[in-house]
N, C-alpha and C. Protein backbone atom coordinates (compact mmCIF):
# COMPACT_ATOMS: atom_id res chain seq x y z
N MET A 1 150.35 95.25 78.17
CA MET A 1 150.02 95.27 79.50
C MET A 1 149.11 96.67 79.99
N GLU A 2 149.54 97.57 79.14
CA GLU A 2 148.81 98.72 79.16
C GLU A 2 147.29 98.73 78.72
N GLU A 3 147.43 98.40 77.68
CA GLU A 3 146.25 97.94 76.59
C GLU A 3 145.34 97.24 77.80
N SER A 4 145.61 96.14 78.29
CA SER A 4 144.62 95.19 79.24
C SER A 4 144.19 96.11 80.53
N ILE A 5 145.00 97.10 80.90
CA ILE A 5 144.33 98.09 82.36
C ILE A 5 143.12 98.66 81.40
N THR A 6 143.71 99.23 80.34
CA THR A 6 142.50 100.09 79.76
C THR A 6 141.40 99.35 79.62
N MET A 7 141.30 98.43 78.69
CA MET A 7 140.08 97.41 78.58
C MET A 7 139.34 97.08 79.72
N LYS A 8 140.10 96.76 80.95
CA LYS A 8 139.28 96.52 82.41
C LYS A 8 138.69 97.79 82.79
N ARG A 9 139.25 98.93 82.69
CA ARG A 9 138.80 100.20 83.08
C ARG A 9 137.38 100.07 81.99
N THR A 10 137.44 100.21 80.85
CA THR A 10 136.46 100.42 80.00
C THR A 10 135.41 99.64 80.37
N PHE A 11 135.63 98.53 80.67
CA PHE A 11 134.69 97.06 80.78
C PHE A 11 133.73 97.69 81.96
N GLY A 12 134.87 97.98 83.09
CA GLY A 12 134.05 98.54 84.51
C GLY A 12 133.03 99.78 84.01
N ILE A 13 133.50 100.64 83.55
CA ILE A 13 132.62 102.17 83.46
C ILE A 13 131.57 101.39 82.54
N LEU A 14 131.68 100.74 81.90
CA LEU A 14 130.19 100.24 80.65
C LEU A 14 129.29 99.36 81.83
N ALA A 15 129.73 98.41 82.68
CA ALA A 15 129.20 97.90 83.63
C ALA A 15 128.28 98.69 84.31
N MET A 16 128.99 99.79 85.02
CA MET A 16 128.04 100.76 85.79
C MET A 16 127.28 101.17 85.33
N ILE A 17 127.49 101.88 83.71
CA ILE A 17 126.45 102.48 82.99
C ILE A 17 125.20 101.61 82.89
N LEU A 18 125.53 100.11 82.66
CA LEU A 18 124.27 99.16 82.27
C LEU A 18 123.80 98.99 83.45
N LEU A 19 124.29 98.68 84.60
CA LEU A 19 123.45 98.63 85.82
C LEU A 19 122.55 99.94 86.10
N THR A 20 123.00 101.02 85.83
CA THR A 20 122.16 102.21 86.07
C THR A 20 120.75 102.59 85.33
N VAL A 21 121.33 101.98 83.96
CA VAL A 21 120.34 102.24 82.99
C VAL A 21 119.27 101.03 83.47
N MET A 22 119.67 99.74 83.60
CA MET A 22 118.84 98.70 83.94
C MET A 22 118.08 99.05 85.26
N ALA A 23 118.46 99.08 86.42
CA ALA A 23 117.62 100.13 87.66
C ALA A 23 116.73 100.89 87.26
N GLY A 24 116.83 101.67 86.26
CA GLY A 24 116.05 102.63 85.85
C GLY A 24 114.95 102.36 85.30
N THR A 25 115.04 101.32 84.37
CA THR A 25 114.24 100.56 83.95
C THR A 25 113.13 99.72 84.64
N ALA A 26 113.93 99.18 85.55
CA ALA A 26 113.09 98.56 86.61
C ALA A 26 112.25 99.26 87.56
N PHE A 27 112.71 100.53 87.62
CA PHE A 27 112.24 101.15 88.24
C PHE A 27 111.06 102.28 87.75
N GLY A 28 110.90 102.16 86.64
CA GLY A 28 110.32 102.47 85.87
C GLY A 28 108.74 101.78 85.82
N GLN A 29 108.90 100.48 85.97
CA GLN A 29 107.91 99.38 85.74
C GLN A 29 107.35 98.90 87.02
N MET A 30 107.51 100.02 87.91
CA MET A 30 106.82 99.77 89.40
C MET A 30 105.32 99.24 89.33
N ILE A 31 105.14 97.85 89.92
CA ILE A 31 103.65 97.69 89.75
C ILE A 31 103.15 98.13 91.36
N PRO A 32 101.88 98.67 91.22
CA PRO A 32 101.15 98.87 92.76
C PRO A 32 100.85 98.02 93.47
N THR A 33 101.27 97.92 94.37
CA THR A 33 101.04 96.80 95.54
C THR A 33 100.40 97.41 96.62
N GLY A 34 99.93 96.86 97.75
CA GLY A 34 99.07 97.07 98.79
C GLY A 34 99.86 96.42 100.02
N GLU A 35 99.14 96.53 101.37
CA GLU A 35 99.82 96.25 102.17
C GLU A 35 98.40 95.27 103.31
N LEU A 36 98.94 94.55 104.11
CA LEU A 36 97.64 93.76 105.03
C LEU A 36 98.74 93.93 106.22
N MET A 37 98.16 94.25 107.41
CA MET A 37 98.64 94.48 108.97
C MET A 37 97.44 94.46 110.01
N GLY A 38 97.89 94.09 111.07
CA GLY A 38 97.01 94.33 111.86
C GLY A 38 97.68 93.62 113.37
N THR A 39 96.55 93.68 114.50
CA THR A 39 97.12 93.01 115.80
C THR A 39 96.24 91.88 116.15
N VAL A 40 96.81 91.04 116.67
CA VAL A 40 96.17 89.67 117.14
C VAL A 40 96.31 89.92 118.46
N SER A 41 95.02 89.53 119.39
CA SER A 41 94.55 89.45 120.55
C SER A 41 93.64 88.53 120.81
N GLU A 42 93.69 88.15 122.40
CA GLU A 42 92.66 87.21 122.89
C GLU A 42 91.42 87.95 123.27
N ALA A 43 90.47 87.09 123.52
CA ALA A 43 89.09 87.60 123.98
C ALA A 43 89.21 88.77 124.90
N GLY A 44 90.14 88.81 125.83
CA GLY A 44 90.56 89.85 126.79
C GLY A 44 91.17 91.01 126.38
N HIS A 45 91.40 91.07 124.87
CA HIS A 45 92.18 92.17 124.24
C HIS A 45 93.55 92.26 124.99
N ALA A 46 94.15 91.55 125.33
CA ALA A 46 95.51 91.17 125.47
C ALA A 46 96.15 90.66 124.42
N ALA A 47 97.61 91.33 124.02
CA ALA A 47 98.09 91.09 122.66
C ALA A 47 98.76 89.80 122.75
N LEU A 48 98.76 88.95 121.46
CA LEU A 48 99.26 88.04 121.21
C LEU A 48 100.50 87.77 120.48
N PRO A 49 101.69 87.86 121.36
CA PRO A 49 102.92 87.37 120.16
C PRO A 49 103.07 86.14 119.77
N GLY A 50 103.97 85.95 119.16
CA GLY A 50 104.18 84.42 118.82
C GLY A 50 103.07 83.96 117.69
N VAL A 51 102.07 84.34 117.10
CA VAL A 51 101.09 83.67 116.64
C VAL A 51 101.58 83.90 115.14
N THR A 52 101.51 82.41 114.39
CA THR A 52 102.16 82.77 112.93
C THR A 52 100.81 83.18 111.91
N VAL A 53 100.95 83.96 111.11
CA VAL A 53 100.13 84.18 110.35
C VAL A 53 100.57 84.00 108.82
N THR A 54 99.54 83.52 108.24
CA THR A 54 100.01 82.82 106.90
C THR A 54 98.88 83.52 105.95
N ILE A 55 99.46 84.14 104.91
CA ILE A 55 98.58 84.31 103.91
C ILE A 55 98.56 83.84 102.42
N SER A 56 97.40 83.44 101.57
CA SER A 56 97.76 82.82 100.64
C SER A 56 96.59 83.41 99.54
N SER A 57 97.14 83.30 98.00
CA SER A 57 96.53 83.79 97.37
C SER A 57 96.71 83.47 96.04
N PRO A 58 95.64 83.34 94.83
CA PRO A 58 96.38 83.26 93.79
C PRO A 58 97.10 84.22 92.96
N SER A 59 97.05 85.48 93.52
CA SER A 59 97.85 86.72 93.19
C SER A 59 99.13 86.32 93.64
N LEU A 60 99.64 85.88 94.60
CA LEU A 60 101.12 85.78 94.71
C LEU A 60 102.14 84.87 94.17
N MET A 61 102.91 85.08 93.83
CA MET A 61 103.93 84.57 93.12
C MET A 61 104.40 82.99 94.03
N LEU A 62 104.73 83.06 95.19
CA LEU A 62 104.63 81.93 96.03
C LEU A 62 103.10 81.63 96.63
N PRO A 63 103.19 79.96 96.60
CA PRO A 63 101.63 79.90 97.59
C PRO A 63 101.01 80.73 98.48
N GLN A 64 102.20 80.60 99.55
CA GLN A 64 101.91 81.60 100.67
C GLN A 64 102.79 82.10 101.23
N ILE A 65 102.70 83.26 101.77
CA ILE A 65 103.97 84.02 102.97
C ILE A 65 103.18 83.66 104.47
N ALA A 66 104.30 83.64 105.35
CA ALA A 66 103.92 83.75 106.81
C ALA A 66 104.72 84.51 107.55
N ALA A 67 104.41 85.04 108.76
CA ALA A 67 104.78 86.23 109.29
C ALA A 67 104.34 85.67 111.06
N VAL A 68 105.05 85.95 111.76
CA VAL A 68 105.08 85.78 113.25
C VAL A 68 104.62 87.11 113.73
N THR A 69 103.72 87.57 114.68
CA THR A 69 103.59 88.30 115.44
C THR A 69 104.73 89.00 116.38
N ASN A 70 104.80 90.46 116.89
CA ASN A 70 105.78 90.44 117.60
C ASN A 70 105.02 90.73 118.90
N GLU A 71 105.91 91.30 119.94
CA GLU A 71 105.54 91.28 121.39
C GLU A 71 104.16 92.23 121.43
N LYS A 72 103.79 92.89 120.45
CA LYS A 72 102.58 93.80 120.58
C LYS A 72 101.41 93.30 119.90
N GLY A 73 101.58 91.99 119.17
CA GLY A 73 100.68 91.42 118.51
C GLY A 73 100.72 91.87 117.32
N LEU A 74 101.24 92.80 116.60
CA LEU A 74 101.45 93.07 115.44
C LEU A 74 101.93 92.30 114.42
N TYR A 75 101.27 92.49 113.11
CA TYR A 75 101.82 91.50 111.77
C TYR A 75 101.82 92.38 110.79
N LYS A 76 102.55 92.44 109.67
CA LYS A 76 102.46 93.28 108.62
C LYS A 76 102.72 92.48 107.25
N PHE A 77 102.58 92.82 106.30
CA PHE A 77 102.65 91.84 105.13
C PHE A 77 102.81 93.32 104.06
N PHE A 78 103.68 93.46 103.19
CA PHE A 78 103.93 94.52 102.53
C PHE A 78 104.18 93.99 100.71
N SER A 79 104.01 95.11 100.01
CA SER A 79 104.03 94.79 98.70
C SER A 79 103.23 93.59 98.23
N LEU A 80 101.88 93.70 98.51
CA LEU A 80 101.10 92.52 98.00
C LEU A 80 100.65 93.04 96.75
N PRO A 81 100.38 92.24 95.88
CA PRO A 81 99.33 92.24 94.48
C PRO A 81 97.89 92.05 94.93
N SER A 82 97.37 93.21 94.00
CA SER A 82 95.59 93.10 94.29
C SER A 82 95.21 91.85 94.03
N GLY A 83 94.16 91.52 94.93
CA GLY A 83 93.59 90.31 95.02
C GLY A 83 92.72 89.64 96.38
N ARG A 84 92.27 88.87 96.46
CA ARG A 84 91.61 88.18 97.45
C ARG A 84 92.71 87.34 98.11
N TYR A 85 92.48 87.41 99.44
CA TYR A 85 93.28 86.52 100.10
C TYR A 85 92.74 85.77 101.27
N LYS A 86 93.24 84.66 101.58
CA LYS A 86 93.37 83.74 102.66
C LYS A 86 94.26 84.12 103.79
N VAL A 87 93.64 84.20 105.03
CA VAL A 87 94.60 84.32 106.04
C VAL A 87 94.32 83.42 107.21
N VAL A 88 95.46 83.08 107.99
CA VAL A 88 95.09 81.79 108.91
C VAL A 88 96.11 82.48 109.85
N PHE A 89 95.24 82.46 111.22
CA PHE A 89 96.25 82.81 112.41
C PHE A 89 96.25 81.20 113.24
N GLU A 90 97.63 81.06 113.93
CA GLU A 90 97.60 80.05 114.22
C GLU A 90 98.72 80.23 115.61
N ILE A 91 98.39 79.57 116.77
CA ILE A 91 99.51 79.40 117.86
C ILE A 91 99.04 78.34 118.73
N GLN A 92 99.90 77.77 119.47
CA GLN A 92 99.60 76.53 120.29
C GLN A 92 98.75 76.90 121.57
N GLY A 93 97.45 76.25 121.45
CA GLY A 93 96.78 76.44 123.01
C GLY A 93 95.80 77.22 122.46
N PHE A 94 95.64 77.69 121.30
CA PHE A 94 94.34 78.29 120.74
C PHE A 94 93.96 77.92 119.63
N LYS A 95 92.39 77.81 119.40
CA LYS A 95 91.97 77.47 118.15
C LYS A 95 92.39 78.21 116.82
N THR A 96 92.77 77.44 115.87
CA THR A 96 93.13 78.30 114.20
C THR A 96 92.15 78.82 113.76
N LEU A 97 92.44 80.39 113.58
CA LEU A 97 91.24 81.27 113.17
C LEU A 97 92.02 81.32 111.45
N ILE A 98 90.57 81.20 110.65
CA ILE A 98 90.90 81.25 109.16
C ILE A 98 89.63 82.57 109.04
N ARG A 99 90.12 83.56 107.98
CA ARG A 99 89.41 84.41 107.38
C ARG A 99 89.89 84.55 105.87
N GLU A 100 88.50 84.50 105.01
CA GLU A 100 89.07 84.24 103.68
C GLU A 100 88.11 85.26 102.97
N GLY A 101 88.58 85.49 101.87
CA GLY A 101 87.79 86.68 101.12
C GLY A 101 88.45 88.02 101.36
N ILE A 102 89.63 88.01 102.22
CA ILE A 102 90.13 89.41 102.27
C ILE A 102 90.87 90.39 100.70
N ILE A 103 90.24 91.65 100.72
CA ILE A 103 90.42 92.06 99.45
C ILE A 103 91.81 92.81 99.51
N ILE A 104 92.50 92.91 98.69
CA ILE A 104 94.00 93.75 98.93
C ILE A 104 93.66 94.63 97.59
N SER A 105 93.82 96.00 97.62
CA SER A 105 93.66 96.90 96.75
C SER A 105 94.91 97.74 96.43
N ALA A 106 95.51 97.67 95.21
CA ALA A 106 96.94 98.06 95.40
C ALA A 106 96.64 99.66 95.28
N GLU A 107 97.65 100.41 95.66
CA GLU A 107 97.64 101.70 95.54
C GLU A 107 98.83 102.13 94.60
N THR A 108 98.16 103.15 94.18
CA THR A 108 98.97 103.64 92.76
C THR A 108 99.79 104.84 93.28
C-alpha cells in the first residue's frame, strides 16, 4: 500500500515536470503573427454593430474565420499568419462588401 502511494506521488511529480518542459518548448517555438482590426460604419459615418466580418486566406489553418462587430462597429482578428487575405462584410439590409488582397505582415 505504501509503495503504491509513493509511486503515485512520483508519477504526479514527473507529470508536472514533463508539462513544464513541454510548455517551455512550445513557447520557444512561437510563430510571429499579425492582426487585422477596424471599424465598420455606413456612409453617414454611423457605426454599424452586428456586421459579420469573415476573413479567408490560404495562410489560415481553417478555410475562414468570422467575427461580428460590437456596438461601436469594431472587429478584431488576432494571431494571424502572414499572407494575403480576403475580407467580407455582411449585414442584412446592406450590400455585401468584399475587400481582396489585404496583406498581413507578422510582427517579430
